[in-house]
C-alpha atoms as a PDB file:
ATOM      1  CA  UNK A   1     -77.841   9.846 -80.333  1.00  0.00           C
ATOM      2  CA  UNK A   2     -79.681  12.153 -82.721  1.00  0.00           C
ATOM      3  CA  UNK A   3     -80.014  15.932 -82.663  1.00  0.00           C
ATOM      4  CA  UNK A   4     -83.429  15.795 -80.980  1.00  0.00           C
ATOM      5  CA  UNK A   5     -82.064  13.813 -78.024  1.00  0.00           C
ATOM      6  CA  UNK A   6     -78.998  16.040 -77.660  1.00  0.00           C
ATOM      7  CA  UNK A   7     -81.183  19.160 -77.621  1.00  0.00           C
ATOM      8  CA  UNK A   8     -83.598  17.505 -75.176  1.00  0.00           C
ATOM      9  CA  UNK A   9     -80.737  16.901 -72.745  1.00  0.00           C
ATOM     10  CA  UNK A  10     -79.708  20.539 -73.014  1.00  0.00           C
ATOM     11  CA  UNK A  11     -83.281  21.704 -72.481  1.00  0.00           C
ATOM     12  CA  UNK A  12     -83.635  19.421 -69.471  1.00  0.00           C
ATOM     13  CA  UNK A  13     -80.532  20.864 -67.863  1.00  0.00           C
ATOM     14  CA  UNK A  14     -81.816  24.417 -68.414  1.00  0.00           C
ATOM     15  CA  UNK A  15     -85.270  23.619 -67.012  1.00  0.00           C
ATOM     16  CA  UNK A  16     -83.855  21.768 -64.020  1.00  0.00           C
ATOM     17  CA  UNK A  17     -81.418  24.604 -63.235  1.00  0.00           C
ATOM     18  CA  UNK A  18     -84.361  27.047 -63.019  1.00  0.00           C
ATOM     19  CA  UNK A  19     -86.769  24.678 -61.313  1.00  0.00           C
ATOM     20  CA  UNK A  20     -89.141  24.851 -64.287  1.00  0.00           C
ATOM     21  CA  UNK A  21     -91.495  22.134 -65.494  1.00  0.00           C
ATOM     22  CA  UNK A  22     -92.517  21.717 -69.141  1.00  0.00           C
ATOM     23  CA  UNK A  23     -95.751  20.724 -70.889  1.00  0.00           C
ATOM     24  CA  UNK A  24     -96.263  20.224 -74.619  1.00  0.00           C
ATOM     25  CA  UNK A  25     -99.179  20.473 -77.018  1.00  0.00           C
ATOM     26  CA  UNK A  26     -98.389  18.700 -80.278  1.00  0.00           C
ATOM     27  CA  UNK A  27    -100.420  18.296 -83.426  1.00  0.00           C
ATOM     28  CA  UNK A  28     -98.423  17.584 -86.612  1.00  0.00           C
ATOM     29  CA  UNK A  29     -95.492  16.125 -84.651  1.00  0.00           C
ATOM     30  CA  UNK A  30     -97.784  13.603 -82.972  1.00  0.00           C
ATOM     31  CA  UNK A  31     -95.766  13.345 -79.756  1.00  0.00           C
ATOM     32  CA  UNK A  32     -92.320  13.357 -81.359  1.00  0.00           C
ATOM     33  CA  UNK A  33     -91.096  16.148 -79.076  1.00  0.00           C
ATOM     34  CA  UNK A  34     -92.404  14.354 -75.987  1.00  0.00           C
ATOM     35  CA  UNK A  35     -90.695  11.166 -77.170  1.00  0.00           C
ATOM     36  CA  UNK A  36     -87.390  13.009 -77.512  1.00  0.00           C
ATOM     37  CA  UNK A  37     -87.764  14.547 -74.085  1.00  0.00           C
ATOM     38  CA  UNK A  38     -88.739  11.345 -72.315  1.00  0.00           C
ATOM     39  CA  UNK A  39     -85.727   9.590 -73.843  1.00  0.00           C
ATOM     40  CA  UNK A  40     -83.644  11.655 -71.408  1.00  0.00           C
ATOM     41  CA  UNK A  41     -83.080   9.866 -68.115  1.00  0.00           C
ATOM     42  CA  UNK A  42     -84.533  11.899 -65.252  1.00  0.00           C
ATOM     43  CA  UNK A  43     -86.906  13.908 -67.456  1.00  0.00           C
ATOM     44  CA  UNK A  44     -89.744  13.223 -65.011  1.00  0.00           C
ATOM     45  CA  UNK A  45     -88.160  15.922 -62.816  1.00  0.00           C
ATOM     46  CA  UNK A  46     -88.850  18.609 -65.444  1.00  0.00           C
ATOM     47  CA  UNK A  47     -91.497  17.264 -67.844  1.00  0.00           C
ATOM     48  CA  UNK A  48     -95.116  17.091 -66.666  1.00  0.00           C
ATOM     49  CA  UNK A  49     -97.142  16.001 -69.698  1.00  0.00           C
ATOM     50  CA  UNK A  50     -97.734  16.156 -73.400  1.00  0.00           C
ATOM     51  CA  UNK A  51    -101.003  16.605 -75.225  1.00  0.00           C
ATOM     52  CA  UNK A  52    -101.307  15.133 -78.715  1.00  0.00           C
ATOM     53  CA  UNK A  53    -104.220  17.074 -80.153  1.00  0.00           C
ATOM     54  CA  UNK A  54    -104.384  16.112 -83.795  1.00  0.00           C
ATOM     55  CA  UNK A  55    -108.035  16.962 -84.427  1.00  0.00           C
ATOM     56  CA  UNK A  56    -109.709  20.330 -83.939  1.00  0.00           C
ATOM     57  CA  UNK A  57    -112.059  18.689 -81.433  1.00  0.00           C
ATOM     58  CA  UNK A  58    -109.092  17.488 -79.371  1.00  0.00           C
ATOM     59  CA  UNK A  59    -107.610  20.993 -79.427  1.00  0.00           C
ATOM     60  CA  UNK A  60    -110.883  22.345 -78.033  1.00  0.00           C
ATOM     61  CA  UNK A  61    -111.536  19.518 -75.539  1.00  0.00           C
ATOM     62  CA  UNK A  62    -108.047  19.043 -74.127  1.00  0.00           C
ATOM     63  CA  UNK A  63    -106.517  22.525 -74.439  1.00  0.00           C
ATOM     64  CA  UNK A  64    -109.490  24.871 -74.450  1.00  0.00           C
ATOM     65  CA  UNK A  65    -108.777  26.262 -77.922  1.00  0.00           C
ATOM     66  CA  UNK A  66    -111.680  28.496 -78.890  1.00  0.00           C
ATOM     67  CA  UNK A  67    -113.855  27.156 -81.705  1.00  0.00           C
ATOM     68  CA  UNK A  68    -114.031  30.656 -83.181  1.00  0.00           C
ATOM     69  CA  UNK A  69    -110.218  30.785 -83.385  1.00  0.00           C
ATOM     70  CA  UNK A  70    -110.206  27.542 -85.365  1.00  0.00           C
ATOM     71  CA  UNK A  71    -112.996  28.752 -87.662  1.00  0.00           C
ATOM     72  CA  UNK A  72    -111.479  32.187 -88.271  1.00  0.00           C
ATOM     73  CA  UNK A  73    -107.755  31.352 -88.494  1.00  0.00           C
ATOM     74  CA  UNK A  74    -107.591  27.571 -88.906  1.00  0.00           C
ATOM     75  CA  UNK A  75    -105.765  24.890 -86.962  1.00  0.00           C
ATOM     76  CA  UNK A  76    -102.483  25.920 -88.562  1.00  0.00           C
ATOM     77  CA  UNK A  77    -102.161  29.507 -87.358  1.00  0.00           C
ATOM     78  CA  UNK A  78    -100.256  31.527 -84.813  1.00  0.00           C
ATOM     79  CA  UNK A  79    -103.534  32.235 -83.026  1.00  0.00           C
ATOM     80  CA  UNK A  80    -104.266  28.521 -82.569  1.00  0.00           C
ATOM     81  CA  UNK A  81    -100.650  27.816 -81.583  1.00  0.00           C
ATOM     82  CA  UNK A  82    -100.869  30.526 -78.907  1.00  0.00           C
ATOM     83  CA  UNK A  83    -104.097  29.096 -77.475  1.00  0.00           C
ATOM     84  CA  UNK A  84    -102.652  25.577 -77.552  1.00  0.00           C
ATOM     85  CA  UNK A  85     -99.570  26.690 -75.586  1.00  0.00           C
ATOM     86  CA  UNK A  86    -101.701  28.579 -73.073  1.00  0.00           C
ATOM     87  CA  UNK A  87    -104.002  25.567 -72.697  1.00  0.00           C
ATOM     88  CA  UNK A  88    -101.051  23.268 -72.065  1.00  0.00           C
ATOM     89  CA  UNK A  89    -100.085  25.518 -69.152  1.00  0.00           C
ATOM     90  CA  UNK A  90    -103.633  25.803 -67.851  1.00  0.00           C
ATOM     91  CA  UNK A  91    -104.252  22.039 -67.861  1.00  0.00           C
ATOM     92  CA  UNK A  92    -100.903  20.966 -66.422  1.00  0.00           C
ATOM     93  CA  UNK A  93     -98.483  21.600 -63.586  1.00  0.00           C
ATOM     94  CA  UNK A  94     -96.024  23.290 -65.945  1.00  0.00           C
ATOM     95  CA  UNK A  95     -94.286  26.652 -65.798  1.00  0.00           C
ATOM     96  CA  UNK A  96     -93.498  26.732 -69.523  1.00  0.00           C
ATOM     97  CA  UNK A  97     -95.081  25.143 -72.577  1.00  0.00           C
ATOM     98  CA  UNK A  98     -94.679  24.769 -76.299  1.00  0.00           C
ATOM     99  CA  UNK A  99     -97.200  23.992 -79.004  1.00  0.00           C
ATOM    100  CA  UNK A 100     -96.764  22.792 -82.566  1.00  0.00           C
ATOM    101  CA  UNK A 101     -99.381  22.773 -85.317  1.00  0.00           C
ATOM    102  CA  UNK A 102     -98.656  22.481 -89.002  1.00  0.00           C
ATOM    103  CA  UNK A 103     -98.972  20.725 -92.338  1.00  0.00           C
ATOM    104  CA  UNK A 104     -96.432  17.914 -92.635  1.00  0.00           C
ATOM    105  CA  UNK A 105     -97.759  16.635 -95.971  1.00  0.00           C
ATOM    106  CA  UNK A 106     -97.677  15.191 -98.427  1.00  0.00           C
ATOM    107  CA  UNK A 107    -101.295  16.389 -98.722  1.00  0.00           C
ATOM    108  CA  UNK A 108    -103.218  19.189 -97.020  1.00  0.00           C
ATOM    109  CA  UNK A 109    -101.282  22.192 -98.231  1.00  0.00           C
ATOM    110  CA  UNK A 110    -102.763  25.203-100.014  1.00  0.00           C
ATOM    111  CA  UNK A 111    -101.296  28.273-101.719  1.00  0.00           C
ATOM    112  CA  UNK A 112    -101.738  30.222 -98.469  1.00  0.00           C
ATOM    113  CA  UNK A 113    -100.629  27.406 -96.154  1.00  0.00           C
ATOM    114  CA  UNK A 114     -98.299  25.119 -98.088  1.00  0.00           C
ATOM    115  CA  UNK A 115     -96.967  21.760 -96.969  1.00  0.00           C
ATOM    116  CA  UNK A 116     -94.125  22.424 -94.555  1.00  0.00           C
ATOM    117  CA  UNK A 117     -95.704  25.389 -92.749  1.00  0.00           C
ATOM    118  CA  UNK A 118     -95.591  24.932 -88.982  1.00  0.00           C
ATOM    119  CA  UNK A 119     -96.818  27.343 -86.302  1.00  0.00           C
ATOM    120  CA  UNK A 120     -95.362  27.332 -82.801  1.00  0.00           C
ATOM    121  CA  UNK A 121     -96.449  28.779 -79.474  1.00  0.00           C
ATOM    122  CA  UNK A 122     -94.250  29.215 -76.412  1.00  0.00           C
ATOM    123  CA  UNK A 123     -95.922  30.207 -73.165  1.00  0.00           C
ATOM    124  CA  UNK A 124     -94.860  31.206 -69.699  1.00  0.00           C
ATOM    125  CA  UNK A 125     -97.374  32.074 -66.996  1.00  0.00           C
ATOM    126  CA  UNK A 126     -97.753  35.697 -68.127  1.00  0.00           C
ATOM    127  CA  UNK A 127     -96.667  35.696 -71.748  1.00  0.00           C
ATOM    128  CA  UNK A 128     -96.907  33.830 -75.025  1.00  0.00           C
ATOM    129  CA  UNK A 129     -94.906  34.197 -78.216  1.00  0.00           C
ATOM    130  CA  UNK A 130     -95.493  32.567 -81.556  1.00  0.00           C
ATOM    131  CA  UNK A 131     -93.586  31.919 -84.721  1.00  0.00           C
ATOM    132  CA  UNK A 132     -94.133  30.433 -88.157  1.00  0.00           C
ATOM    133  CA  UNK A 133     -91.534  28.309 -89.892  1.00  0.00           C
ATOM    134  CA  UNK A 134     -91.442  26.768 -93.353  1.00  0.00           C
ATOM    135  CA  UNK A 135     -89.667  23.419 -93.563  1.00  0.00           C
ATOM    136  CA  UNK A 136     -88.745  21.510 -96.712  1.00  0.00           C
ATOM    137  CA  UNK A 137     -88.700  17.786 -97.286  1.00  0.00           C
ATOM    138  CA  UNK A 138     -91.012  14.837 -96.866  1.00  0.00           C
ATOM    139  CA  UNK A 139     -93.494  14.301 -94.033  1.00  0.00           C
ATOM    140  CA  UNK A 140     -90.963  12.741 -91.666  1.00  0.00           C
ATOM    141  CA  UNK A 141     -88.416  15.468 -92.370  1.00  0.00           C
ATOM    142  CA  UNK A 142     -90.931  18.265 -91.673  1.00  0.00           C
ATOM    143  CA  UNK A 143     -91.963  16.603 -88.406  1.00  0.00           C
ATOM    144  CA  UNK A 144     -88.337  16.092 -87.347  1.00  0.00           C
ATOM    145  CA  UNK A 145     -87.345  19.675 -88.202  1.00  0.00           C
ATOM    146  CA  UNK A 146     -90.370  21.042 -86.317  1.00  0.00           C
ATOM    147  CA  UNK A 147     -89.490  18.961 -83.256  1.00  0.00           C
ATOM    148  CA  UNK A 148     -85.875  20.110 -83.273  1.00  0.00           C
ATOM    149  CA  UNK A 149     -86.961  23.741 -83.722  1.00  0.00           C
ATOM    150  CA  UNK A 150     -89.377  23.543 -80.782  1.00  0.00           C
ATOM    151  CA  UNK A 151     -86.791  22.124 -78.393  1.00  0.00           C
ATOM    152  CA  UNK A 152     -84.145  24.585 -79.575  1.00  0.00           C
ATOM    153  CA  UNK A 153     -86.508  27.546 -79.068  1.00  0.00           C
ATOM    154  CA  UNK A 154     -87.502  26.321 -75.610  1.00  0.00           C
ATOM    155  CA  UNK A 155     -83.820  26.100 -74.671  1.00  0.00           C
ATOM    156  CA  UNK A 156     -83.235  29.631 -75.952  1.00  0.00           C
ATOM    157  CA  UNK A 157     -86.255  30.865 -74.002  1.00  0.00           C
ATOM    158  CA  UNK A 158     -84.825  29.294 -70.850  1.00  0.00           C
ATOM    159  CA  UNK A 159     -81.485  30.957 -71.524  1.00  0.00           C
ATOM    160  CA  UNK A 160     -83.221  34.363 -71.715  1.00  0.00           C
ATOM    161  CA  UNK A 161     -85.526  33.796 -68.708  1.00  0.00           C
END
């Protein structure tokens, strides 16, 4: 069992203990977090749905991300991550959500937003927090690290809630 699955089990226990349900909005991870979560037996009790919104259009259509946010800040930004997390709550039955949007590489990076930059959003009904992380390695490594980080942060959020 890999780190993602171990963390997913821990997250599931925390969500179940509080009666919370989770939704995800993933871009650069392409559903990797949802895959880790659904590998846990019984996850249907605490996981509602995952949105894989790789394109800007999908972010707008499925999560209600504002076009102006995408134009002004870009898909890889804390502002977009926040709107993605809020949209995942709005269009699901969840109590808590996480979003992930970043540049996994090997192409697509710039001096301002290099390969390995990933923005996260974590939302509860009345609050949202964001963070930016910089991961090293190849495409698969960046995606794996981002997935592990998201599940770890969700577990920490549950511990503090």
